[in-house]
Amino acid sequence: MTTGILTDDLVNERSNELQPRELIVTIFGLYARAESNWLSVASVVRLMAHLGVDGAAVRSSISRLKRRETLEAHRHDGAAGYSLSKPTLDALAEGDVRIFDRKRAAIEDGWLMVVFSIPESERDKRHVLRTFLTRLGFGTTAPGVWIAPGSLVRETRETLERRGLSEYVDMYSAQHLGFGDLRTKVRTWWDLDALTTLYAAFLDKYRPVFERSTAGTLTPQHAFAEYVPMLTEWRRLPYLDPGLPLPLLPPGWNGVTAGRLFDELNAALSGPAREHAMTIIHQP
C-alpha cells in the first residue's frame, strides 16, 4: 500500500470541472500583476464570459475569494475592482518558478528531510504546515517524516520562513544508504500511479488543443479560452510532482511528455491570449 500524498479521491477531484474561482485566480495572476495589480469587476466578468461563466457566478466567486483574503476590494477612478492580496502575490510568485521554470532533480542532489514539532496549544499550525509541505511536493517516509529532492532546500526554507513556520521545523540533508531498492521506496513515498493518471488526463485533453494551435486556426479569443483553463489545470501538477530524478521514475514517465506539451502550449497560446485579455481589460 502506498503512503504517497495522492489518493483516488484526490485524482477524481483533480479531474472535476474547474471552479470559477480557480479561473479567476489564474486571470489575476496572468493579467492583473501587469496592470498595477488591479482589475475592474466589469473586465473580469467580460473575461470570464469568454470562458463560459456567467456574471452571477463570477460575482459570487469574487466575493468568496475576498472572504478568503485572496482578493482585496479597491476602487480606481470610481470603478469597482480587486487586487491580489500580498500573501496571494507571494504564493503566485512562488508558483511562477514551479510552473514556468521547472527543474528536475538529480540523484546526486540527495534528499531533504523535514521533521516538525508543534505544541498542543498551537495544533492548528500542524494542518497548515502539512498543507504547505504537500504543496511543495514532499512525500512521507514515515509518520511525521517528510522527504523531497535536495534541490528544494532553498524553496522550502523561504516558504517556511515567509509563512512563519520555520521555528517548528528541522531540515536535514540526507542520502539513502540502505536498505532496499530506492526506486521501490520512491513509489511508497509518492503516489506515482496517481500522478501518471493525472498527466495522462492532461495529455489526452490538451494534445488536440496544441494541434489546433499549430494549424493556425485559433483566434486570440479562442487562444484565451484554451489557455486560461489549461494553465489552471497545469498549475496544480508541479505541486504534486517535485521533479524527482528520472532514474527513480517508471520508464517512459509521462510527466516528462506532459511537461513538454505544457511548454509548447504556453509558447503557442500565451501571446495571443494576452492580446485578447488586454483588449477586454482596456475596453471602455
Protein backbone atom coordinates (compact mmCIF):
# COMPACT_ATOMS: atom_id res chain seq x y z
CA MET A 1 0.00 0.00 0.00
CA THR A 2 1.34 3.41 -0.91
CA THR A 3 1.95 6.13 1.65
CA GLY A 4 2.06 8.78 -1.06
CA ILE A 5 0.11 12.02 -0.84
CA LEU A 6 -2.35 11.41 -3.66
CA THR A 7 -5.42 9.22 -3.27
CA ASP A 8 -8.10 8.00 -5.68
CA ASP A 9 -10.44 10.65 -4.26
CA LEU A 10 -7.89 13.36 -4.97
CA VAL A 11 -7.41 12.10 -8.51
CA ASN A 12 -11.16 12.32 -9.03
CA GLU A 13 -11.20 15.81 -7.52
CA ARG A 14 -8.40 16.95 -9.83
CA SER A 15 -10.35 15.61 -12.80
CA ASN A 16 -13.51 17.54 -11.97
CA GLU A 17 -14.56 20.62 -13.88
CA LEU A 18 -12.61 23.74 -12.97
CA GLN A 19 -14.25 26.04 -10.47
CA PRO A 20 -14.85 29.72 -11.45
CA ARG A 21 -12.73 30.92 -8.52
CA GLU A 22 -9.75 28.92 -9.83
CA LEU A 23 -10.09 30.55 -13.25
CA ILE A 24 -10.39 33.99 -11.64
CA VAL A 25 -7.16 33.49 -9.70
CA THR A 26 -5.43 32.46 -12.94
CA ILE A 27 -6.72 35.57 -14.71
CA PHE A 28 -5.49 37.82 -11.91
CA GLY A 29 -2.14 36.04 -11.85
CA LEU A 30 -1.69 36.38 -15.58
CA TYR A 31 -3.01 39.86 -16.22
CA ALA A 32 -3.60 41.90 -13.04
CA ARG A 33 0.05 41.91 -11.99
CA ALA A 34 0.93 43.70 -15.23
CA GLU A 35 -1.87 46.21 -14.61
CA SER A 36 -0.67 47.60 -11.25
CA ASN A 37 -2.26 44.60 -9.54
CA TRP A 38 -5.82 45.66 -10.22
CA LEU A 39 -8.68 44.59 -12.47
CA SER A 40 -12.15 46.06 -12.60
CA VAL A 41 -15.09 43.81 -11.79
CA ALA A 42 -16.53 44.60 -15.20
CA SER A 43 -13.41 43.40 -17.03
CA VAL A 44 -13.26 40.18 -15.00
CA VAL A 45 -16.93 39.50 -15.80
CA ARG A 46 -16.26 40.05 -19.51
CA LEU A 47 -13.17 37.82 -19.50
CA MET A 48 -14.96 35.06 -17.63
CA ALA A 49 -17.85 35.23 -20.09
CA HIS A 50 -15.36 34.16 -22.75
CA LEU A 51 -14.67 31.11 -20.58
CA GLY A 52 -18.36 30.25 -20.44
CA VAL A 53 -19.02 31.53 -16.89
CA ASP A 54 -21.97 33.84 -16.28
CA GLY A 55 -21.77 37.09 -14.37
CA ALA A 56 -23.66 35.88 -11.29
CA ALA A 57 -21.22 33.01 -10.79
CA VAL A 58 -18.27 35.37 -11.28
CA ARG A 59 -19.50 37.86 -8.67
CA SER A 60 -20.25 35.07 -6.22
CA SER A 61 -16.78 33.61 -6.71
CA ILE A 62 -15.13 37.01 -6.31
CA SER A 63 -16.99 37.51 -3.03
CA ARG A 64 -15.76 34.12 -1.85
CA LEU A 65 -12.18 34.98 -2.81
CA LYS A 66 -12.50 38.25 -0.91
CA ARG A 67 -13.69 36.42 2.22
CA ARG A 68 -10.70 34.10 1.90
CA GLU A 69 -8.45 37.18 1.66
CA THR A 70 -7.22 36.11 -1.76
CA LEU A 71 -8.56 39.35 -3.28
CA GLU A 72 -8.92 42.84 -1.81
CA ALA A 73 -11.51 45.38 -2.96
CA HIS A 74 -10.27 48.71 -4.33
CA ARG A 75 -11.77 51.43 -6.48
CA HIS A 76 -9.81 53.11 -9.28
CA ASP A 77 -11.21 56.26 -10.85
CA GLY A 78 -14.62 55.40 -9.47
CA ALA A 79 -14.62 51.86 -10.87
CA ALA A 80 -15.07 48.88 -8.56
CA GLY A 81 -12.32 46.31 -8.76
CA TYR A 82 -10.00 43.97 -6.93
CA SER A 83 -6.30 43.40 -6.29
CA LEU A 84 -4.43 40.29 -5.22
CA SER A 85 -3.56 40.29 -1.52
CA LYS A 86 0.11 40.30 -0.50
CA PRO A 87 0.09 36.61 0.58
CA THR A 88 -1.53 35.67 -2.72
CA LEU A 89 1.05 37.66 -4.67
CA ASP A 90 3.81 35.82 -2.79
CA ALA A 91 2.19 32.46 -3.50
CA LEU A 92 1.85 33.27 -7.19
CA ALA A 93 5.49 34.37 -7.36
CA GLU A 94 6.48 31.03 -5.85
CA GLY A 95 4.20 29.29 -8.33
CA ASP A 96 5.76 31.07 -11.30
CA VAL A 97 9.03 29.28 -10.61
CA ARG A 98 7.36 25.89 -10.25
CA ILE A 99 5.21 26.34 -13.34
CA PHE A 100 7.44 28.14 -15.82
CA ASP A 101 10.97 27.30 -14.63
CA ARG A 102 10.67 23.67 -13.60
CA LYS A 103 13.84 21.90 -12.56
CA ARG A 104 14.30 18.13 -12.34
CA ALA A 105 16.48 16.86 -9.52
CA ALA A 106 19.42 14.52 -9.97
CA ILE A 107 20.20 11.59 -7.68
CA GLU A 108 23.39 13.45 -6.73
CA ASP A 109 21.25 16.22 -5.18
CA GLY A 110 20.36 13.88 -2.33
CA TRP A 111 17.29 14.38 -0.21
CA LEU A 112 15.78 16.99 2.03
CA MET A 113 14.27 15.55 5.21
CA VAL A 114 11.86 17.60 7.33
CA VAL A 115 10.52 16.81 10.78
CA PHE A 116 8.47 19.16 12.90
CA SER A 117 7.22 19.52 16.44
CA ILE A 118 4.30 21.79 17.26
CA PRO A 119 2.96 22.20 20.82
CA GLU A 120 -0.60 21.13 21.54
CA SER A 121 -1.56 24.74 22.23
CA GLU A 122 -0.79 25.56 18.57
CA ARG A 123 -2.05 22.35 17.00
CA ASP A 124 -3.89 24.32 14.27
CA LYS A 125 -0.46 25.01 12.77
CA ARG A 126 0.08 21.28 12.19
CA HIS A 127 -2.50 21.22 9.43
CA VAL A 128 -1.10 24.44 7.95
CA LEU A 129 2.43 23.02 7.94
CA ARG A 130 1.35 19.70 6.42
CA THR A 131 -0.56 21.63 3.76
CA PHE A 132 2.48 23.68 2.77
CA LEU A 133 4.78 20.65 2.73
CA THR A 134 2.31 18.86 0.47
CA ARG A 135 2.12 21.88 -1.82
CA LEU A 136 5.90 21.92 -2.03
CA GLY A 137 5.75 18.33 -3.28
CA PHE A 138 7.00 16.48 -0.22
CA GLY A 139 6.34 12.79 0.23
CA THR A 140 6.25 10.91 3.53
CA THR A 141 8.72 8.20 4.54
CA ALA A 142 7.03 7.53 7.90
CA PRO A 143 4.53 9.37 10.12
CA GLY A 144 5.94 12.83 10.78
CA VAL A 145 8.94 12.39 8.48
CA TRP A 146 8.72 14.26 5.16
CA ILE A 147 11.06 13.97 2.19
CA ALA A 148 11.74 15.89 -1.03
CA PRO A 149 14.58 16.11 -3.54
CA GLY A 150 17.56 18.04 -2.19
CA SER A 151 17.07 20.62 -4.93
CA LEU A 152 14.08 22.02 -3.00
CA VAL A 153 16.08 23.22 0.02
CA ARG A 154 16.01 26.90 -0.85
CA GLU A 155 12.34 26.98 -1.87
CA THR A 156 11.32 25.09 1.26
CA ARG A 157 13.35 27.32 3.56
CA GLU A 158 11.96 30.52 2.01
CA THR A 159 8.38 29.25 2.08
CA LEU A 160 8.50 28.17 5.72
CA GLU A 161 10.18 31.40 6.79
CA ARG A 162 7.68 33.51 4.87
CA ARG A 163 4.78 31.63 6.42
CA GLY A 164 6.15 31.95 9.96
CA LEU A 165 6.53 28.17 10.34
CA SER A 166 10.31 27.75 10.42
CA GLU A 167 10.58 27.74 14.22
CA TYR A 168 8.71 24.43 14.34
CA VAL A 169 10.80 22.65 11.71
CA ASP A 170 14.14 20.89 11.49
CA MET A 171 15.58 20.38 7.99
CA TYR A 172 18.23 17.76 7.20
CA SER A 173 20.31 16.95 4.15
CA ALA A 174 20.17 13.19 3.61
CA GLN A 175 21.47 10.36 1.44
CA HIS A 176 19.85 6.95 1.01
CA LEU A 177 22.42 4.48 2.34
CA GLY A 178 20.17 1.41 2.71
CA PHE A 179 18.23 -0.77 2.86
CA GLY A 180 16.11 -1.78 -0.11
CA ASP A 181 15.77 -0.51 -3.65
CA LEU A 182 15.44 3.28 -3.81
CA ARG A 183 13.11 3.16 -6.81
CA THR A 184 10.75 0.96 -4.82
CA LYS A 185 10.97 3.32 -1.86
CA VAL A 186 10.09 6.30 -4.02
CA ARG A 187 6.89 4.57 -5.14
CA THR A 188 5.80 4.41 -1.50
CA TRP A 189 6.80 7.99 -0.70
CA TRP A 190 4.92 9.42 -3.69
CA ASP A 191 1.81 8.06 -5.38
CA LEU A 192 3.32 7.76 -8.85
CA ASP A 193 0.34 5.82 -10.22
CA ALA A 194 -1.99 8.69 -9.35
CA LEU A 195 0.41 11.20 -10.86
CA THR A 196 0.62 9.11 -14.02
CA THR A 197 -3.18 9.21 -14.25
CA LEU A 198 -3.25 12.99 -13.86
CA TYR A 199 -0.57 13.51 -16.51
CA ALA A 200 -2.35 11.14 -18.89
CA ALA A 201 -5.58 13.11 -18.49
CA PHE A 202 -3.73 16.36 -19.24
CA LEU A 203 -2.14 14.86 -22.36
CA ASP A 204 -5.44 13.46 -23.65
CA LYS A 205 -7.25 16.74 -23.12
CA TYR A 206 -4.68 19.20 -24.48
CA ARG A 207 -2.90 17.42 -27.33
CA PRO A 208 -5.82 18.34 -29.65
CA VAL A 209 -5.54 21.96 -28.48
CA PHE A 210 -1.87 22.05 -29.48
CA GLU A 211 -2.72 20.54 -32.85
CA ARG A 212 -5.30 23.29 -33.45
CA SER A 213 -2.80 25.94 -32.38
CA THR A 214 -0.17 24.71 -34.84
CA ALA A 215 -2.78 24.62 -37.62
CA GLY A 216 -3.22 28.36 -37.21
CA THR A 217 -6.97 28.13 -36.70
CA LEU A 218 -7.13 29.75 -33.25
CA THR A 219 -8.05 33.44 -32.95
CA PRO A 220 -6.79 35.43 -29.92
CA GLN A 221 -10.19 34.92 -28.28
CA HIS A 222 -10.01 31.17 -28.88
CA ALA A 223 -6.42 31.13 -27.59
CA PHE A 224 -7.56 32.86 -24.40
CA ALA A 225 -10.43 30.40 -23.95
CA GLU A 226 -7.99 27.48 -24.22
CA TYR A 227 -5.01 28.97 -22.39
CA VAL A 228 -6.56 30.06 -19.09
CA PRO A 229 -8.20 26.68 -18.31
CA MET A 230 -5.11 24.82 -19.50
CA LEU A 231 -2.82 26.83 -17.22
CA THR A 232 -5.29 26.46 -14.33
CA GLU A 233 -5.23 22.69 -14.68
CA TRP A 234 -1.48 22.50 -15.15
CA ARG A 235 -0.53 24.69 -12.18
CA ARG A 236 -1.83 22.01 -9.80
CA LEU A 237 0.58 19.38 -11.12
CA PRO A 238 4.03 20.84 -10.34
CA TYR A 239 2.98 21.00 -6.69
CA LEU A 240 2.22 17.28 -6.65
CA ASP A 241 5.34 16.29 -8.60
CA PRO A 242 8.55 17.70 -7.05
CA GLY A 243 10.72 16.85 -10.05
CA LEU A 244 12.06 13.50 -8.89
CA PRO A 245 15.21 12.18 -10.59
CA LEU A 246 14.32 10.35 -13.80
CA PRO A 247 16.28 7.15 -12.95
CA LEU A 248 13.92 6.68 -9.98
CA LEU A 249 10.76 7.01 -12.05
CA PRO A 250 8.97 4.42 -14.19
CA PRO A 251 10.39 4.03 -17.73
CA GLY A 252 8.82 6.47 -20.18
CA TRP A 253 7.49 8.64 -17.35
CA ASN A 254 4.63 10.59 -18.91
CA GLY A 255 5.27 13.57 -16.65
CA VAL A 256 8.14 14.47 -18.99
CA THR A 257 5.86 14.30 -22.04
CA ALA A 258 3.17 16.33 -20.27
CA GLY A 259 5.71 18.97 -19.27
CA ARG A 260 6.90 19.26 -22.86
CA LEU A 261 3.30 19.66 -24.05
CA PHE A 262 2.67 22.38 -21.46
CA ASP A 263 5.76 24.29 -22.62
CA GLU A 264 4.60 24.05 -26.24
CA LEU A 265 1.08 25.19 -25.36
CA ASN A 266 2.41 28.06 -23.27
CA ALA A 267 4.61 29.22 -26.15
CA ALA A 268 1.78 28.95 -28.68
CA LEU A 269 -1.12 30.38 -26.67
CA SER A 270 0.16 32.84 -24.10
CA GLY A 271 0.85 35.67 -26.57
CA PRO A 272 -2.48 35.72 -28.41
CA ALA A 273 -4.34 35.03 -25.14
CA ARG A 274 -2.72 38.12 -23.57
CA GLU A 275 -3.58 40.16 -26.66
CA HIS A 276 -7.23 39.26 -26.23
CA ALA A 277 -7.21 39.81 -22.45
CA MET A 278 -5.65 43.26 -22.74
CA THR A 279 -8.26 44.25 -25.32
CA ILE A 280 -11.02 43.30 -22.91
CA ILE A 281 -9.35 44.83 -19.85
CA HIS A 282 -8.82 48.18 -21.58
CA GLN A 283 -12.26 48.21 -23.15
CA PRO A 284 -14.07 51.45 -22.27
